Amino acid sequence: MKKGLLKANDVYEVLVRIPEGRVTTYGDIARALGYPGASRAVGRILNMNPNPIVVPCHRVVMSNGRIGGYAFGKARKKKLLAKEGLHFAGDSMDDFAKCRVALEKLH
């Protein structure tokens, strides 16, 4: 694991690479940035996202395919993802493995 703090701008830079209709996980972002144990820190950073239209934090879900949290509520997150063509069974994504973006280690 890297020393130092996980930076919000680094998280946002990863997130803007996630295409519409695809998702990643909090842990995937943390690992891509070299902080494999920082999935909760990623979640906290995304909760404070100052520009959710440019930085689409709704495209981050839990590692089990469940929708997870969202600053504007789970219902809105689910609606945004559905608008991008994703489907759900309750609060879990259908075809999670097919929708998930594999991230390369960035730092």
N, C-alpha and C. Protein backbone atom coordinates (compact mmCIF):
# COMPACT_ATOMS: atom_id res chain seq x y z
N MET A 1 0.84 -1.18 0.00
CA MET A 1 0.00 0.00 0.00
C MET A 1 0.89 1.24 0.00
N LYS A 2 0.43 2.25 -0.69
CA LYS A 2 1.20 3.49 -0.77
C LYS A 2 1.14 4.24 0.55
N LYS A 3 2.15 5.02 0.79
CA LYS A 3 2.13 5.89 1.96
C LYS A 3 1.50 7.21 1.55
N GLY A 4 0.98 7.91 2.53
CA GLY A 4 0.33 9.18 2.24
C GLY A 4 -1.17 9.03 2.16
N LEU A 5 -1.81 10.12 1.83
CA LEU A 5 -3.27 10.15 1.80
C LEU A 5 -3.81 9.99 0.38
N LEU A 6 -4.93 9.33 0.31
CA LEU A 6 -5.66 9.23 -0.94
C LEU A 6 -6.20 10.62 -1.28
N LYS A 7 -5.99 11.07 -2.49
CA LYS A 7 -6.39 12.42 -2.88
C LYS A 7 -7.68 12.39 -3.69
N ALA A 8 -8.59 13.32 -3.38
CA ALA A 8 -9.87 13.40 -4.07
C ALA A 8 -9.69 13.55 -5.57
N ASN A 9 -8.78 14.41 -5.99
CA ASN A 9 -8.59 14.61 -7.43
C ASN A 9 -8.17 13.34 -8.14
N ASP A 10 -7.38 12.51 -7.48
CA ASP A 10 -6.99 11.23 -8.08
C ASP A 10 -8.21 10.33 -8.27
N VAL A 11 -9.08 10.30 -7.26
CA VAL A 11 -10.30 9.49 -7.34
C VAL A 11 -11.17 10.00 -8.48
N TYR A 12 -11.34 11.31 -8.57
CA TYR A 12 -12.18 11.90 -9.62
C TYR A 12 -11.61 11.63 -11.01
N GLU A 13 -10.28 11.66 -11.14
CA GLU A 13 -9.64 11.38 -12.43
C GLU A 13 -9.93 9.96 -12.90
N VAL A 14 -9.96 9.01 -11.97
CA VAL A 14 -10.31 7.64 -12.32
C VAL A 14 -11.77 7.58 -12.74
N LEU A 15 -12.62 8.21 -11.99
CA LEU A 15 -14.05 8.10 -12.22
C LEU A 15 -14.51 8.68 -13.55
N VAL A 16 -13.89 9.74 -14.01
CA VAL A 16 -14.32 10.32 -15.28
C VAL A 16 -13.98 9.41 -16.47
N ARG A 17 -13.20 8.38 -16.24
CA ARG A 17 -12.86 7.41 -17.29
C ARG A 17 -13.90 6.30 -17.42
N ILE A 18 -14.84 6.21 -16.50
CA ILE A 18 -15.84 5.15 -16.53
C ILE A 18 -16.92 5.55 -17.52
N PRO A 19 -17.09 4.79 -18.59
CA PRO A 19 -18.07 5.18 -19.61
C PRO A 19 -19.52 5.03 -19.14
N GLU A 20 -20.39 5.75 -19.79
CA GLU A 20 -21.82 5.65 -19.53
C GLU A 20 -22.26 4.20 -19.73
N GLY A 21 -23.12 3.73 -18.82
CA GLY A 21 -23.62 2.38 -18.91
C GLY A 21 -22.71 1.33 -18.32
N ARG A 22 -21.64 1.75 -17.67
CA ARG A 22 -20.70 0.85 -17.03
C ARG A 22 -20.49 1.30 -15.59
N VAL A 23 -19.98 0.43 -14.75
CA VAL A 23 -19.73 0.75 -13.34
C VAL A 23 -18.37 0.22 -12.92
N THR A 24 -17.93 0.72 -11.78
CA THR A 24 -16.76 0.19 -11.11
C THR A 24 -17.11 0.11 -9.63
N THR A 25 -16.19 -0.35 -8.81
CA THR A 25 -16.46 -0.44 -7.38
C THR A 25 -15.53 0.49 -6.61
N TYR A 26 -15.90 0.73 -5.37
CA TYR A 26 -15.06 1.55 -4.49
C TYR A 26 -13.68 0.91 -4.35
N GLY A 27 -13.66 -0.41 -4.18
CA GLY A 27 -12.40 -1.13 -4.05
C GLY A 27 -11.57 -1.12 -5.32
N ASP A 28 -12.23 -1.20 -6.48
CA ASP A 28 -11.50 -1.14 -7.75
C ASP A 28 -10.76 0.18 -7.87
N ILE A 29 -11.41 1.27 -7.50
CA ILE A 29 -10.78 2.59 -7.57
C ILE A 29 -9.60 2.65 -6.60
N ALA A 30 -9.82 2.18 -5.38
CA ALA A 30 -8.76 2.21 -4.37
C ALA A 30 -7.54 1.41 -4.85
N ARG A 31 -7.77 0.22 -5.39
CA ARG A 31 -6.66 -0.61 -5.88
C ARG A 31 -5.96 0.05 -7.07
N ALA A 32 -6.72 0.64 -7.99
CA ALA A 32 -6.13 1.29 -9.16
C ALA A 32 -5.20 2.43 -8.75
N LEU A 33 -5.50 3.06 -7.63
CA LEU A 33 -4.68 4.17 -7.16
C LEU A 33 -3.56 3.73 -6.21
N GLY A 34 -3.48 2.42 -5.95
CA GLY A 34 -2.42 1.91 -5.09
C GLY A 34 -2.74 1.92 -3.62
N TYR A 35 -4.02 2.02 -3.28
CA TYR A 35 -4.48 2.02 -1.88
C TYR A 35 -5.51 0.90 -1.71
N PRO A 36 -5.10 -0.35 -1.74
CA PRO A 36 -6.06 -1.46 -1.75
C PRO A 36 -7.01 -1.53 -0.56
N GLY A 37 -6.67 -0.94 0.54
CA GLY A 37 -7.55 -0.98 1.71
C GLY A 37 -8.39 0.28 1.90
N ALA A 38 -8.47 1.11 0.88
CA ALA A 38 -9.09 2.43 1.05
C ALA A 38 -10.46 2.57 0.40
N SER A 39 -11.21 1.49 0.28
CA SER A 39 -12.51 1.59 -0.39
C SER A 39 -13.47 2.52 0.37
N ARG A 40 -13.43 2.51 1.68
CA ARG A 40 -14.29 3.43 2.45
C ARG A 40 -13.87 4.88 2.26
N ALA A 41 -12.57 5.11 2.17
CA ALA A 41 -12.08 6.48 1.91
C ALA A 41 -12.55 6.96 0.54
N VAL A 42 -12.56 6.06 -0.44
CA VAL A 42 -13.08 6.41 -1.76
C VAL A 42 -14.54 6.81 -1.64
N GLY A 43 -15.32 6.05 -0.89
CA GLY A 43 -16.73 6.37 -0.68
C GLY A 43 -16.93 7.73 -0.03
N ARG A 44 -16.11 8.03 0.97
CA ARG A 44 -16.22 9.34 1.63
C ARG A 44 -15.88 10.47 0.66
N ILE A 45 -14.87 10.28 -0.15
CA ILE A 45 -14.49 11.29 -1.14
C ILE A 45 -15.64 11.50 -2.13
N LEU A 46 -16.21 10.41 -2.60
CA LEU A 46 -17.31 10.53 -3.57
C LEU A 46 -18.54 11.19 -2.96
N ASN A 47 -18.76 10.97 -1.69
CA ASN A 47 -19.90 11.60 -1.01
C ASN A 47 -19.77 13.12 -0.98
N MET A 48 -18.54 13.62 -1.09
CA MET A 48 -18.30 15.07 -1.07
C MET A 48 -18.03 15.62 -2.47
N ASN A 49 -18.31 14.85 -3.49
CA ASN A 49 -18.07 15.24 -4.88
C ASN A 49 -18.74 16.59 -5.17
N PRO A 50 -17.95 17.63 -5.48
CA PRO A 50 -18.55 18.95 -5.71
C PRO A 50 -19.22 19.10 -7.07
N ASN A 51 -18.99 18.16 -7.99
CA ASN A 51 -19.55 18.28 -9.33
C ASN A 51 -19.99 16.92 -9.87
N PRO A 52 -21.10 16.37 -9.33
CA PRO A 52 -21.51 15.02 -9.72
C PRO A 52 -21.95 14.87 -11.18
N ILE A 53 -22.16 15.97 -11.88
CA ILE A 53 -22.51 15.86 -13.30
C ILE A 53 -21.25 15.57 -14.12
N VAL A 54 -20.16 16.25 -13.80
CA VAL A 54 -18.89 16.03 -14.51
C VAL A 54 -18.19 14.77 -14.02
N VAL A 55 -18.22 14.56 -12.72
CA VAL A 55 -17.60 13.39 -12.09
C VAL A 55 -18.73 12.44 -11.67
N PRO A 56 -19.05 11.46 -12.52
CA PRO A 56 -20.24 10.62 -12.34
C PRO A 56 -20.10 9.57 -11.23
N CYS A 57 -20.18 10.03 -9.99
CA CYS A 57 -19.98 9.11 -8.87
C CYS A 57 -21.10 8.07 -8.75
N HIS A 58 -22.20 8.26 -9.46
CA HIS A 58 -23.27 7.25 -9.44
C HIS A 58 -22.83 5.95 -10.11
N ARG A 59 -21.72 5.97 -10.83
CA ARG A 59 -21.22 4.77 -11.51
C ARG A 59 -20.33 3.91 -10.63
N VAL A 60 -20.33 4.18 -9.33
CA VAL A 60 -19.54 3.37 -8.39
C VAL A 60 -20.51 2.60 -7.51
N VAL A 61 -20.33 1.27 -7.48
CA VAL A 61 -21.20 0.39 -6.71
C VAL A 61 -20.36 -0.47 -5.77
N MET A 62 -21.04 -1.25 -4.97
CA MET A 62 -20.35 -2.14 -4.04
C MET A 62 -19.78 -3.35 -4.78
N SER A 63 -18.81 -4.00 -4.20
CA SER A 63 -18.13 -5.13 -4.85
C SER A 63 -19.03 -6.34 -5.06
N ASN A 64 -20.17 -6.40 -4.39
CA ASN A 64 -21.11 -7.50 -4.57
C ASN A 64 -22.21 -7.15 -5.59
N GLY A 65 -22.09 -5.99 -6.24
CA GLY A 65 -23.07 -5.59 -7.23
C GLY A 65 -24.26 -4.82 -6.69
N ARG A 66 -24.30 -4.66 -5.37
CA ARG A 66 -25.39 -3.85 -4.80
C ARG A 66 -25.11 -2.38 -5.07
N ILE A 67 -26.16 -1.60 -5.09
CA ILE A 67 -26.07 -0.21 -5.53
C ILE A 67 -25.21 0.66 -4.61
N GLY A 68 -25.21 0.43 -3.34
CA GLY A 68 -24.42 1.24 -2.41
C GLY A 68 -25.04 2.61 -2.18
N GLY A 69 -24.30 3.47 -1.53
CA GLY A 69 -24.82 4.78 -1.18
C GLY A 69 -24.64 5.80 -2.28
N TYR A 70 -25.29 6.94 -2.06
CA TYR A 70 -25.22 8.06 -3.00
C TYR A 70 -25.67 9.30 -2.25
N ALA A 71 -24.95 10.39 -2.43
CA ALA A 71 -25.26 11.62 -1.69
C ALA A 71 -26.69 12.10 -1.93
N PHE A 72 -27.25 11.79 -3.10
CA PHE A 72 -28.60 12.23 -3.44
C PHE A 72 -29.64 11.13 -3.26
N GLY A 73 -29.25 10.04 -2.61
CA GLY A 73 -30.16 8.94 -2.32
C GLY A 73 -30.04 7.79 -3.31
N LYS A 74 -30.29 6.59 -2.79
CA LYS A 74 -30.17 5.38 -3.61
C LYS A 74 -31.15 5.38 -4.78
N ALA A 75 -32.36 5.88 -4.55
CA ALA A 75 -33.36 5.88 -5.62
C ALA A 75 -32.88 6.69 -6.82
N ARG A 76 -32.28 7.84 -6.56
CA ARG A 76 -31.78 8.68 -7.65
C ARG A 76 -30.60 8.00 -8.36
N LYS A 77 -29.71 7.38 -7.58
CA LYS A 77 -28.57 6.67 -8.17
C LYS A 77 -29.07 5.56 -9.09
N LYS A 78 -30.03 4.81 -8.62
CA LYS A 78 -30.59 3.71 -9.41
C LYS A 78 -31.26 4.25 -10.68
N LYS A 79 -31.94 5.37 -10.57
CA LYS A 79 -32.60 5.98 -11.73
C LYS A 79 -31.57 6.44 -12.76
N LEU A 80 -30.47 7.05 -12.30
CA LEU A 80 -29.41 7.49 -13.21
C LEU A 80 -28.77 6.30 -13.93
N LEU A 81 -28.51 5.23 -13.20
CA LEU A 81 -27.91 4.05 -13.81
C LEU A 81 -28.88 3.38 -14.78
N ALA A 82 -30.16 3.33 -14.42
CA ALA A 82 -31.16 2.76 -15.32
C ALA A 82 -31.27 3.57 -16.61
N LYS A 83 -31.16 4.87 -16.48
CA LYS A 83 -31.20 5.75 -17.66
C LYS A 83 -30.03 5.46 -18.60
N GLU A 84 -28.92 4.97 -18.03
CA GLU A 84 -27.74 4.61 -18.82
C GLU A 84 -27.83 3.18 -19.36
N GLY A 85 -28.95 2.50 -19.08
CA GLY A 85 -29.18 1.17 -19.64
C GLY A 85 -28.90 0.01 -18.72
N LEU A 86 -28.58 0.27 -17.45
CA LEU A 86 -28.31 -0.81 -16.51
C LEU A 86 -29.62 -1.30 -15.89
N HIS A 87 -29.64 -2.57 -15.49
CA HIS A 87 -30.85 -3.19 -14.95
C HIS A 87 -30.58 -3.72 -13.54
N PHE A 88 -31.66 -3.83 -12.77
CA PHE A 88 -31.54 -4.21 -11.36
C PHE A 88 -32.55 -5.26 -10.97
N ALA A 89 -32.19 -6.02 -9.95
CA ALA A 89 -33.09 -6.91 -9.24
C ALA A 89 -33.04 -6.42 -7.80
N GLY A 90 -34.03 -5.64 -7.40
CA GLY A 90 -33.99 -4.98 -6.10
C GLY A 90 -32.90 -3.93 -6.12
N ASP A 91 -31.98 -4.00 -5.16
CA ASP A 91 -30.86 -3.06 -5.12
C ASP A 91 -29.57 -3.65 -5.68
N SER A 92 -29.68 -4.79 -6.37
CA SER A 92 -28.50 -5.42 -6.97
C SER A 92 -28.57 -5.30 -8.48
N MET A 93 -27.40 -5.16 -9.08
CA MET A 93 -27.32 -5.03 -10.53
C MET A 93 -27.46 -6.39 -11.20
N ASP A 94 -28.21 -6.42 -12.30
CA ASP A 94 -28.22 -7.60 -13.16
C ASP A 94 -26.96 -7.54 -14.00
N ASP A 95 -26.39 -8.69 -14.31
CA ASP A 95 -25.19 -8.75 -15.15
C ASP A 95 -24.07 -7.85 -14.65
N PHE A 96 -23.86 -7.83 -13.35
CA PHE A 96 -22.84 -6.98 -12.75
C PHE A 96 -21.48 -7.19 -13.40
N ALA A 97 -21.09 -8.45 -13.61
CA ALA A 97 -19.77 -8.74 -14.16
C ALA A 97 -19.61 -8.15 -15.57
N LYS A 98 -20.67 -8.11 -16.34
CA LYS A 98 -20.60 -7.57 -17.70
C LYS A 98 -20.55 -6.05 -17.71
N CYS A 99 -21.10 -5.42 -16.68
CA CYS A 99 -21.15 -3.96 -16.61
C CYS A 99 -19.92 -3.36 -15.93
N ARG A 100 -19.19 -4.19 -15.21
CA ARG A 100 -18.06 -3.71 -14.41
C ARG A 100 -16.84 -3.44 -15.28
N VAL A 101 -16.24 -2.28 -15.08
CA VAL A 101 -15.03 -1.88 -15.80
C VAL A 101 -13.82 -2.36 -15.01
N ALA A 102 -12.92 -3.03 -15.69
CA ALA A 102 -11.66 -3.42 -15.06
C ALA A 102 -10.70 -2.24 -15.13
N LEU A 103 -10.21 -1.85 -13.99
CA LEU A 103 -9.30 -0.70 -13.91
C LEU A 103 -7.86 -1.20 -13.79
N GLU A 104 -6.98 -0.56 -14.50
CA GLU A 104 -5.55 -0.83 -14.39
C GLU A 104 -4.99 -0.01 -13.24
N LYS A 105 -3.93 -0.50 -12.64
CA LYS A 105 -3.25 0.28 -11.60
C LYS A 105 -2.69 1.54 -12.24
N LEU A 106 -3.00 2.69 -11.65
CA LEU A 106 -2.65 3.96 -12.25
C LEU A 106 -1.43 4.63 -11.63
N HIS A 107 -1.15 4.36 -10.39
CA HIS A 107 -0.03 5.04 -9.72
C HIS A 107 0.87 4.03 -9.06
